[in-house]
Amino acid sequence: MEERVRIFSIGLITRNVLQIFVEKPQNFEFQPGQATEISLDKTGWEEERRPFTFTSLPDDNFLQFTIKIYQSHKGVTNELLTLKKNDSLILHDVFGAIEFKGNGTFIAGGAGVTPFISILRNLNFKKEIDGNTLIFANKTRDDIILRYEFERMLGKSFKNILSEEHTDGFFNGHITEEFLRIQVPDLNRHVYLCGPPEMMSAVEGFLEGLGFDMNLLVKEED
């Protein structure tokens, strides 16, 4: 599949996270948590595909992407900063193994929260978000993507841990086995995990150490 879509709006929502709204092709379908590969409709960039998660809802009449920008890489995400309204992106096939399978704990590191945005928004829209928790690991408060929206949706079930900032109301440090022992007391429910590979590997090890049934872990396929 290859679909060229026009940009409705594009802009930064944190210092390094871009939110893009584009037109939705007719009969286009995806499930919350899924992604597509995107390339730029721009000379020299058409074949440079990168995976990005849909952060809109399946029934919205637009598509939204929430994308962390890595300016130092001089790659696709940095090039997105040059785009403006009415420019085009190229969408490819829809894919992704992350889907909602039942209430549980969502554990995200940085931009790894993006597959959970549509899932949690969808649960909130259906008034079924109660019973779910989001643990979000970042460096500082300024790095928390959609902080206020998550606070509105989840209240006290939105828990932040910051590795480079000590702030009242936020956990400090990195996710550890002891942290999970306290924050995920019910190990008989699903855990949804997405983040940098080293973080995911560490969290999986901690969950195993706690006796978690790894069949209840939902993550992107390796």
Foldseek 3Di string as FASTA:
>chain_A
DKDKWFWAFWDDPFPFKIKTKTADDPPDFDAQLKWWWKWFPDPPTQPVTDIFGFLAERPDRITMTIGGADCVVVDRSVVVVVDGGGGIMMTDDMDWQFHDDDAAEEEEEQVQCRSVNRVLVVCQVVVNNPRHAYEYEYADPSRDPPVVVCCVSPPVSYAYEHAHDDDPPHHYRADALVNCVVSHVDLPAAYEYTYPPVNVVRVVVSCVVVVRDCVRYTYTDD
